[in-house]
C-alpha atoms as a PDB file:
ATOM      1  CA  MET A   1     -16.528 -29.856 -11.634  1.00  0.00           C
ATOM      2  CA  LYS A   2     -13.507 -27.577 -11.739  1.00  0.00           C
ATOM      3  CA  PHE A   3     -12.803 -25.023 -14.435  1.00  0.00           C
ATOM      4  CA  ILE A   4     -10.426 -22.148 -15.066  1.00  0.00           C
ATOM      5  CA  LYS A   5     -11.812 -18.633 -14.757  1.00  0.00           C
ATOM      6  CA  GLU A   6     -10.122 -15.347 -15.637  1.00  0.00           C
ATOM      7  CA  LYS A   7      -9.758 -13.074 -12.614  1.00  0.00           C
ATOM      8  CA  HIS A   8      -7.038 -10.410 -12.906  1.00  0.00           C
ATOM      9  CA  PRO A   9      -6.201  -8.591 -16.189  1.00  0.00           C
ATOM     10  CA  LEU A  10      -2.570  -8.279 -17.236  1.00  0.00           C
ATOM     11  CA  VAL A  11      -2.388  -4.545 -16.451  1.00  0.00           C
ATOM     12  CA  MET A  12      -3.656  -5.081 -12.896  1.00  0.00           C
ATOM     13  CA  ARG A  13      -1.085  -7.820 -12.307  1.00  0.00           C
ATOM     14  CA  TRP A  14       1.731  -5.828 -13.921  1.00  0.00           C
ATOM     15  CA  THR A  15       1.168  -2.685 -11.846  1.00  0.00           C
ATOM     16  CA  HIS A  16       0.761  -4.799  -8.710  1.00  0.00           C
ATOM     17  CA  TRP A  17       4.078  -6.620  -9.051  1.00  0.00           C
ATOM     18  CA  VAL A  18       6.017  -3.609 -10.354  1.00  0.00           C
ATOM     19  CA  ASN A  19       4.854  -1.532  -7.419  1.00  0.00           C
ATOM     20  CA  PHE A  20       6.223  -3.994  -4.866  1.00  0.00           C
ATOM     21  CA  PRO A  21       9.981  -3.549  -5.567  1.00  0.00           C
ATOM     22  CA  ILE A  22       9.510   0.187  -6.235  1.00  0.00           C
ATOM     23  CA  LEU A  23       7.815   0.736  -2.893  1.00  0.00           C
ATOM     24  CA  ALA A  24      10.423  -1.416  -1.126  1.00  0.00           C
ATOM     25  CA  ILE A  25      13.217   0.741  -2.570  1.00  0.00           C
ATOM     26  CA  MET A  26      11.324   3.906  -1.634  1.00  0.00           C
ATOM     27  CA  ILE A  27      10.976   2.788   1.994  1.00  0.00           C
ATOM     28  CA  TRP A  28      14.605   1.639   2.189  1.00  0.00           C
ATOM     29  CA  SER A  29      15.973   4.844   0.704  1.00  0.00           C
ATOM     30  CA  GLY A  30      13.593   6.866   2.862  1.00  0.00           C
ATOM     31  CA  LEU A  31      15.220   5.340   5.938  1.00  0.00           C
ATOM     32  CA  LEU A  32      18.612   6.494   4.708  1.00  0.00           C
ATOM     33  CA  ILE A  33      17.235  10.030   4.404  1.00  0.00           C
ATOM     34  CA  TYR A  34      15.380   9.905   7.719  1.00  0.00           C
ATOM     35  CA  TRP A  35      18.606   9.199   9.598  1.00  0.00           C
ATOM     36  CA  ALA A  36      19.814  12.729   8.817  1.00  0.00           C
ATOM     37  CA  ASN A  37      17.056  14.132  11.050  1.00  0.00           C
ATOM     38  CA  ASP A  38      15.790  11.341  13.275  1.00  0.00           C
ATOM     39  CA  VAL A  39      13.369  13.483  15.286  1.00  0.00           C
ATOM     40  CA  TYR A  40      10.276  11.366  15.838  1.00  0.00           C
ATOM     41  CA  THR A  41      10.225   9.922  19.348  1.00  0.00           C
ATOM     42  CA  VAL A  42       7.919   9.444  22.314  1.00  0.00           C
ATOM     43  CA  THR A  43       9.298  12.018  24.745  1.00  0.00           C
ATOM     44  CA  ILE A  44       7.699  13.062  28.047  1.00  0.00           C
ATOM     45  CA  PHE A  45       9.187  15.754  30.312  1.00  0.00           C
ATOM     46  CA  GLY A  46      12.409  15.712  28.366  1.00  0.00           C
ATOM     47  CA  HIS A  47      12.901  11.947  28.645  1.00  0.00           C
ATOM     48  CA  THR A  48      12.771   9.846  25.476  1.00  0.00           C
ATOM     49  CA  PHE A  49      10.976   6.559  26.051  1.00  0.00           C
ATOM     50  CA  VAL A  50      10.708   5.264  22.494  1.00  0.00           C
ATOM     51  CA  ARG A  51      12.640   5.899  19.304  1.00  0.00           C
ATOM     52  CA  PHE A  52      11.230   4.523  16.080  1.00  0.00           C
ATOM     53  CA  PHE A  53      14.577   3.044  15.078  1.00  0.00           C
ATOM     54  CA  PRO A  54      17.209   2.038  17.683  1.00  0.00           C
ATOM     55  CA  GLU A  55      20.904   2.629  17.167  1.00  0.00           C
ATOM     56  CA  TRP A  56      21.653  -1.018  16.318  1.00  0.00           C
ATOM     57  CA  PHE A  57      19.181  -0.788  13.426  1.00  0.00           C
ATOM     58  CA  TYR A  58      21.122   2.054  11.820  1.00  0.00           C
ATOM     59  CA  LYS A  59      24.471   0.346  12.397  1.00  0.00           C
ATOM     60  CA  ALA A  60      23.240  -2.930  10.863  1.00  0.00           C
ATOM     61  CA  LEU A  61      22.270  -1.152   7.620  1.00  0.00           C
ATOM     62  CA  HIS A  62      25.271   1.223   7.656  1.00  0.00           C
ATOM     63  CA  ILE A  63      22.780   4.079   7.350  1.00  0.00           C
ATOM     64  CA  PRO A  64      24.910   6.935   8.795  1.00  0.00           C
ATOM     65  CA  SER A  65      27.189   6.915   5.749  1.00  0.00           C
ATOM     66  CA  ARG A  66      24.565   6.571   3.008  1.00  0.00           C
ATOM     67  CA  LEU A  67      22.500   9.800   3.052  1.00  0.00           C
ATOM     68  CA  ALA A  68      23.437  10.881  -0.501  1.00  0.00           C
ATOM     69  CA  GLU A  69      22.734   7.381  -1.794  1.00  0.00           C
ATOM     70  CA  GLY A  70      19.332   7.390  -0.123  1.00  0.00           C
ATOM     71  CA  MET A  71      18.377  10.731  -1.645  1.00  0.00           C
ATOM     72  CA  ALA A  72      19.477   9.642  -5.114  1.00  0.00           C
ATOM     73  CA  PHE A  73      17.442   6.430  -5.017  1.00  0.00           C
ATOM     74  CA  HIS A  74      14.419   8.037  -3.371  1.00  0.00           C
ATOM     75  CA  PHE A  75      14.074  10.915  -5.820  1.00  0.00           C
ATOM     76  CA  LEU A  76      14.689   8.646  -8.816  1.00  0.00           C
ATOM     77  CA  PHE A  77      12.208   5.922  -7.933  1.00  0.00           C
ATOM     78  CA  MET A  78       9.665   8.519  -6.866  1.00  0.00           C
ATOM     79  CA  TRP A  79       8.908   9.053 -10.562  1.00  0.00           C
ATOM     80  CA  PHE A  80       8.491   5.327 -11.234  1.00  0.00           C
ATOM     81  CA  PHE A  81       6.153   5.125  -8.236  1.00  0.00           C
ATOM     82  CA  ALA A  82       4.087   8.056  -9.514  1.00  0.00           C
ATOM     83  CA  LEU A  83       3.918   6.834 -13.125  1.00  0.00           C
ATOM     84  CA  ASN A  84       2.989   3.288 -12.133  1.00  0.00           C
ATOM     85  CA  GLY A  85       0.264   4.599  -9.841  1.00  0.00           C
ATOM     86  CA  LEU A  86      -1.063   6.956 -12.508  1.00  0.00           C
ATOM     87  CA  PHE A  87      -1.132   4.139 -15.079  1.00  0.00           C
ATOM     88  CA  TYR A  88      -3.026   1.913 -12.631  1.00  0.00           C
ATOM     89  CA  VAL A  89      -5.633   4.570 -11.822  1.00  0.00           C
ATOM     90  CA  LEU A  90      -6.193   5.467 -15.472  1.00  0.00           C
ATOM     91  CA  TYR A  91      -6.621   1.813 -16.383  1.00  0.00           C
ATOM     92  CA  THR A  92      -9.174   1.166 -13.637  1.00  0.00           C
ATOM     93  CA  ILE A  93     -11.167   4.204 -14.778  1.00  0.00           C
ATOM     94  CA  LEU A  94     -11.054   3.472 -18.519  1.00  0.00           C
ATOM     95  CA  SER A  95     -11.646  -0.267 -18.169  1.00  0.00           C
ATOM     96  CA  GLY A  96     -14.434   0.053 -15.618  1.00  0.00           C
ATOM     97  CA  GLU A  97     -12.517  -1.979 -13.017  1.00  0.00           C
ATOM     98  CA  TRP A  98     -13.134   0.837 -10.541  1.00  0.00           C
ATOM     99  CA  ARG A  99     -16.696  -0.450 -10.115  1.00  0.00           C
ATOM    100  CA  LEU A 100     -15.278  -3.593  -8.510  1.00  0.00           C
ATOM    101  CA  LEU A 101     -12.776  -1.706  -6.354  1.00  0.00           C
ATOM    102  CA  VAL A 102     -14.546   1.362  -4.982  1.00  0.00           C
ATOM    103  CA  PRO A 103     -16.438   0.720  -1.699  1.00  0.00           C
ATOM    104  CA  ASN A 104     -20.191   1.199  -1.611  1.00  0.00           C
ATOM    105  CA  ARG A 105     -22.536   2.138   1.233  1.00  0.00           C
ATOM    106  CA  ARG A 106     -22.586  -1.457   2.531  1.00  0.00           C
ATOM    107  CA  SER A 107     -18.828  -2.012   2.399  1.00  0.00           C
ATOM    108  CA  PHE A 108     -17.925  -0.877   5.914  1.00  0.00           C
ATOM    109  CA  LYS A 109     -20.574  -3.076   7.520  1.00  0.00           C
ATOM    110  CA  GLU A 110     -19.591  -6.038   5.378  1.00  0.00           C
ATOM    111  CA  ALA A 111     -15.879  -5.422   6.048  1.00  0.00           C
ATOM    112  CA  TRP A 112     -16.576  -5.896   9.754  1.00  0.00           C
ATOM    113  CA  LEU A 113     -18.263  -9.220   8.970  1.00  0.00           C
ATOM    114  CA  VAL A 114     -15.257 -10.221   6.861  1.00  0.00           C
ATOM    115  CA  LEU A 115     -12.977  -9.454   9.820  1.00  0.00           C
ATOM    116  CA  LEU A 116     -15.123 -11.568  12.134  1.00  0.00           C
ATOM    117  CA  HIS A 117     -14.926 -14.398   9.605  1.00  0.00           C
ATOM    118  CA  ASP A 118     -11.131 -14.124   9.357  1.00  0.00           C
ATOM    119  CA  LEU A 119     -10.910 -14.257  13.151  1.00  0.00           C
ATOM    120  CA  HIS A 120     -13.088 -17.422  13.095  1.00  0.00           C
ATOM    121  CA  ILE A 121     -15.781 -15.679  15.129  1.00  0.00           C
ATOM    122  CA  ARG A 122     -18.321 -15.787  12.308  1.00  0.00           C
ATOM    123  CA  LYS A 123     -18.764 -18.925  10.225  1.00  0.00           C
ATOM    124  CA  THR A 124     -20.098 -17.429   7.010  1.00  0.00           C
ATOM    125  CA  VAL A 125     -18.538 -14.662   4.963  1.00  0.00           C
ATOM    126  CA  PRO A 126     -20.715 -11.956   3.326  1.00  0.00           C
ATOM    127  CA  PRO A 127     -21.431 -12.435  -0.401  1.00  0.00           C
ATOM    128  CA  GLN A 128     -18.698 -10.963  -2.549  1.00  0.00           C
ATOM    129  CA  LYS A 129     -17.793 -10.517  -6.167  1.00  0.00           C
ATOM    130  CA  LYS A 130     -14.201 -10.175  -7.311  1.00  0.00           C
ATOM    131  CA  TYR A 131     -13.125  -8.452  -4.078  1.00  0.00           C
ATOM    132  CA  ASN A 132     -14.686  -8.555  -0.647  1.00  0.00           C
ATOM    133  CA  ALA A 133     -15.656  -5.397   1.233  1.00  0.00           C
ATOM    134  CA  ALA A 134     -12.454  -5.258   3.259  1.00  0.00           C
ATOM    135  CA  GLN A 135     -10.347  -5.524   0.101  1.00  0.00           C
ATOM    136  CA  ARG A 136     -12.338  -2.772  -1.614  1.00  0.00           C
ATOM    137  CA  ILE A 137     -11.728  -0.422   1.297  1.00  0.00           C
ATOM    138  CA  ALA A 138      -8.043  -1.321   1.591  1.00  0.00           C
ATOM    139  CA  TYR A 139      -7.273  -1.102  -2.140  1.00  0.00           C
ATOM    140  CA  THR A 140      -9.066   2.235  -2.447  1.00  0.00           C
ATOM    141  CA  ALA A 141      -7.311   3.586   0.645  1.00  0.00           C
ATOM    142  CA  ILE A 142      -3.904   2.636  -0.755  1.00  0.00           C
ATOM    143  CA  ILE A 143      -4.594   4.801  -3.827  1.00  0.00           C
ATOM    144  CA  PHE A 144      -5.240   7.838  -1.639  1.00  0.00           C
ATOM    145  CA  MET A 145      -2.175   6.982   0.443  1.00  0.00           C
ATOM    146  CA  GLY A 146      -0.043   6.909  -2.697  1.00  0.00           C
ATOM    147  CA  PHE A 147      -1.386  10.302  -3.754  1.00  0.00           C
ATOM    148  CA  GLY A 148      -0.702  11.644  -0.269  1.00  0.00           C
ATOM    149  CA  SER A 149       2.866  10.345  -0.338  1.00  0.00           C
ATOM    150  CA  LEU A 150       3.477  11.957  -3.709  1.00  0.00           C
ATOM    151  CA  VAL A 151       2.090  15.339  -2.616  1.00  0.00           C
ATOM    152  CA  THR A 152       3.875  15.438   0.740  1.00  0.00           C
ATOM    153  CA  GLY A 153       7.057  14.078  -0.845  1.00  0.00           C
ATOM    154  CA  LEU A 154       7.130  16.851  -3.444  1.00  0.00           C
ATOM    155  CA  ALA A 155       6.483  19.416  -0.705  1.00  0.00           C
ATOM    156  CA  ILE A 156       9.486  18.118   1.227  1.00  0.00           C
ATOM    157  CA  TYR A 157      11.635  17.755  -1.894  1.00  0.00           C
ATOM    158  CA  LYS A 158      11.064  21.290  -3.243  1.00  0.00           C
ATOM    159  CA  PRO A 159       9.740  23.400  -0.342  1.00  0.00           C
ATOM    160  CA  VAL A 160      10.842  26.715  -1.899  1.00  0.00           C
ATOM    161  CA  GLN A 161       9.754  26.121  -5.479  1.00  0.00           C
ATOM    162  CA  LEU A 162       6.512  24.415  -4.382  1.00  0.00           C
ATOM    163  CA  TYR A 163       5.780  26.705  -1.448  1.00  0.00           C
ATOM    164  CA  TRP A 164       2.051  26.607  -2.220  1.00  0.00           C
ATOM    165  CA  LEU A 165       2.087  22.826  -1.938  1.00  0.00           C
ATOM    166  CA  VAL A 166       3.881  23.095   1.400  1.00  0.00           C
ATOM    167  CA  TRP A 167       1.148  25.488   2.557  1.00  0.00           C
ATOM    168  CA  LEU A 168      -1.560  23.028   1.467  1.00  0.00           C
ATOM    169  CA  CYS A 169       0.183  20.313   3.490  1.00  0.00           C
ATOM    170  CA  GLY A 170       0.112  22.473   6.613  1.00  0.00           C
ATOM    171  CA  GLY A 171       3.766  23.473   6.534  1.00  0.00           C
ATOM    172  CA  TYR A 172       7.058  21.687   5.972  1.00  0.00           C
ATOM    173  CA  SER A 173       7.170  19.949   9.367  1.00  0.00           C
ATOM    174  CA  PHE A 174       3.603  18.692   9.123  1.00  0.00           C
ATOM    175  CA  ALA A 175       4.187  17.497   5.548  1.00  0.00           C
ATOM    176  CA  ARG A 176       7.165  15.485   6.798  1.00  0.00           C
ATOM    177  CA  ILE A 177       5.084  13.984   9.611  1.00  0.00           C
ATOM    178  CA  LEU A 178       2.342  12.986   7.173  1.00  0.00           C
ATOM    179  CA  HIS A 179       4.928  11.464   4.833  1.00  0.00           C
ATOM    180  CA  PHE A 180       6.362   9.437   7.708  1.00  0.00           C
ATOM    181  CA  ILE A 181       2.924   8.245   8.887  1.00  0.00           C
ATOM    182  CA  LEU A 182       2.002   7.159   5.363  1.00  0.00           C
ATOM    183  CA  THR A 183       5.206   5.126   5.165  1.00  0.00           C
ATOM    184  CA  ILE A 184       4.278   3.320   8.376  1.00  0.00           C
ATOM    185  CA  GLY A 185       0.870   2.722   6.803  1.00  0.00           C
ATOM    186  CA  TYR A 186       2.501   1.006   3.799  1.00  0.00           C
ATOM    187  CA  VAL A 187       4.456  -1.328   6.065  1.00  0.00           C
ATOM    188  CA  LEU A 188       1.334  -2.259   8.042  1.00  0.00           C
ATOM    189  CA  PHE A 189      -0.635  -2.730   4.816  1.00  0.00           C
ATOM    190  CA  PHE A 190       2.081  -5.005   3.439  1.00  0.00           C
ATOM    191  CA  ILE A 191       2.130  -7.176   6.579  1.00  0.00           C
ATOM    192  CA  ILE A 192      -1.665  -7.529   6.639  1.00  0.00           C
ATOM    193  CA  HIS A 193      -1.731  -8.126   2.891  1.00  0.00           C
ATOM    194  CA  VAL A 194       0.774 -10.978   3.113  1.00  0.00           C
ATOM    195  CA  VAL A 195      -1.136 -12.580   5.995  1.00  0.00           C
ATOM    196  CA  GLN A 196      -4.384 -12.341   4.013  1.00  0.00           C
ATOM    197  CA  VAL A 197      -2.722 -13.902   0.952  1.00  0.00           C
ATOM    198  CA  ILE A 198      -1.495 -16.821   3.051  1.00  0.00           C
ATOM    199  CA  LEU A 199      -4.944 -17.311   4.560  1.00  0.00           C
ATOM    200  CA  ALA A 200      -6.605 -17.123   1.129  1.00  0.00           C
ATOM    201  CA  GLY A 201      -4.476 -19.993  -0.152  1.00  0.00           C
ATOM    202  CA  TRP A 202      -2.506 -20.937  -3.250  1.00  0.00           C
ATOM    203  CA  ASN A 203      -5.369 -20.573  -5.717  1.00  0.00           C
ATOM    204  CA  ASN A 204      -5.754 -16.889  -4.898  1.00  0.00           C
ATOM    205  CA  PHE A 205      -2.000 -16.237  -5.076  1.00  0.00           C
ATOM    206  CA  ARG A 206      -1.727 -18.070  -8.390  1.00  0.00           C
ATOM    207  CA  SER A 207      -4.436 -15.847  -9.893  1.00  0.00           C
ATOM    208  CA  VAL A 208      -2.347 -12.737  -9.201  1.00  0.00           C
ATOM    209  CA  ILE A 209       0.513 -14.287 -11.184  1.00  0.00           C
ATOM    210  CA  SER A 210      -1.305 -16.030 -14.032  1.00  0.00           C
ATOM    211  CA  GLY A 211      -4.527 -14.027 -14.070  1.00  0.00           C
ATOM    212  CA  PHE A 212      -6.661 -17.162 -13.736  1.00  0.00           C
ATOM    213  CA  GLU A 213      -8.093 -19.113 -10.835  1.00  0.00           C
ATOM    214  CA  VAL A 214      -9.501 -22.599 -10.502  1.00  0.00           C
ATOM    215  CA  VAL A 215     -13.185 -22.489  -9.574  1.00  0.00           C
ATOM    216  CA  GLU A 216     -15.380 -25.389  -8.557  1.00  0.00           C
ATOM    217  CA  SER A 217     -18.979 -25.196  -9.751  1.00  0.00           C
ATOM    218  CA  GLU A 218     -21.645 -26.993  -7.785  1.00  0.00           C
ATOM    219  CA  LYS A 219     -23.758 -27.335 -10.934  1.00  0.00           C
ATOM    220  CA  GLY A 220     -20.936 -28.986 -12.822  1.00  0.00           C
ATOM    221  CA  ALA A 221     -20.657 -26.167 -15.354  1.00  0.00           C
ATOM    222  CA  PRO A 222     -18.824 -22.853 -15.494  1.00  0.00           C
ATOM    223  CA  GLU A 223     -20.586 -19.977 -13.779  1.00  0.00           C
ATOM    224  CA  LYS A 224     -21.344 -16.874 -15.756  1.00  0.00           C
END
């Protein structure tokens, strides 16, 4: 017997979908800013082997002529990113949703079993509630990543006024490196997240939009 079960509250869905275009704009505008000082490469004995973004990439997006535009968008949407993240964190704390999201002492072991299941090496998946162990770790990590991006971003944005924040980040250059690494982390998270959504199927994706999922009960009655 199939029945409809509530899964994701409206606030969780709202902050999830709002964050997607905001983060996309932040990454895009960050690329426009990064062009002004494209310093991160793999260089050995004075020879550059790898650049993160080749010349054709910049030409395709017309990046060299859009530095001011990138800064304007980045510093504007930074506030939307921060407020949306703050709203999400406060809601999870006040509603008690954090209990379903924060990893426990068994999460790392179970996350490995989840990975083996996704790779079709293990047949059975560990018991889970609303989120599996891998999701709990990933969703908690993304909160800390967002906080890290906000702190390092402010240190880069106002290095003189927020000199103490720059010092906490290990200096301006190190703050910029951390900010760049976190951005790469968002891109990797997004790719893995999309793959996981595809593997999970339509029912899981639909629940993030509507808030409900279709569950099949072996007993023929809704589970409590």
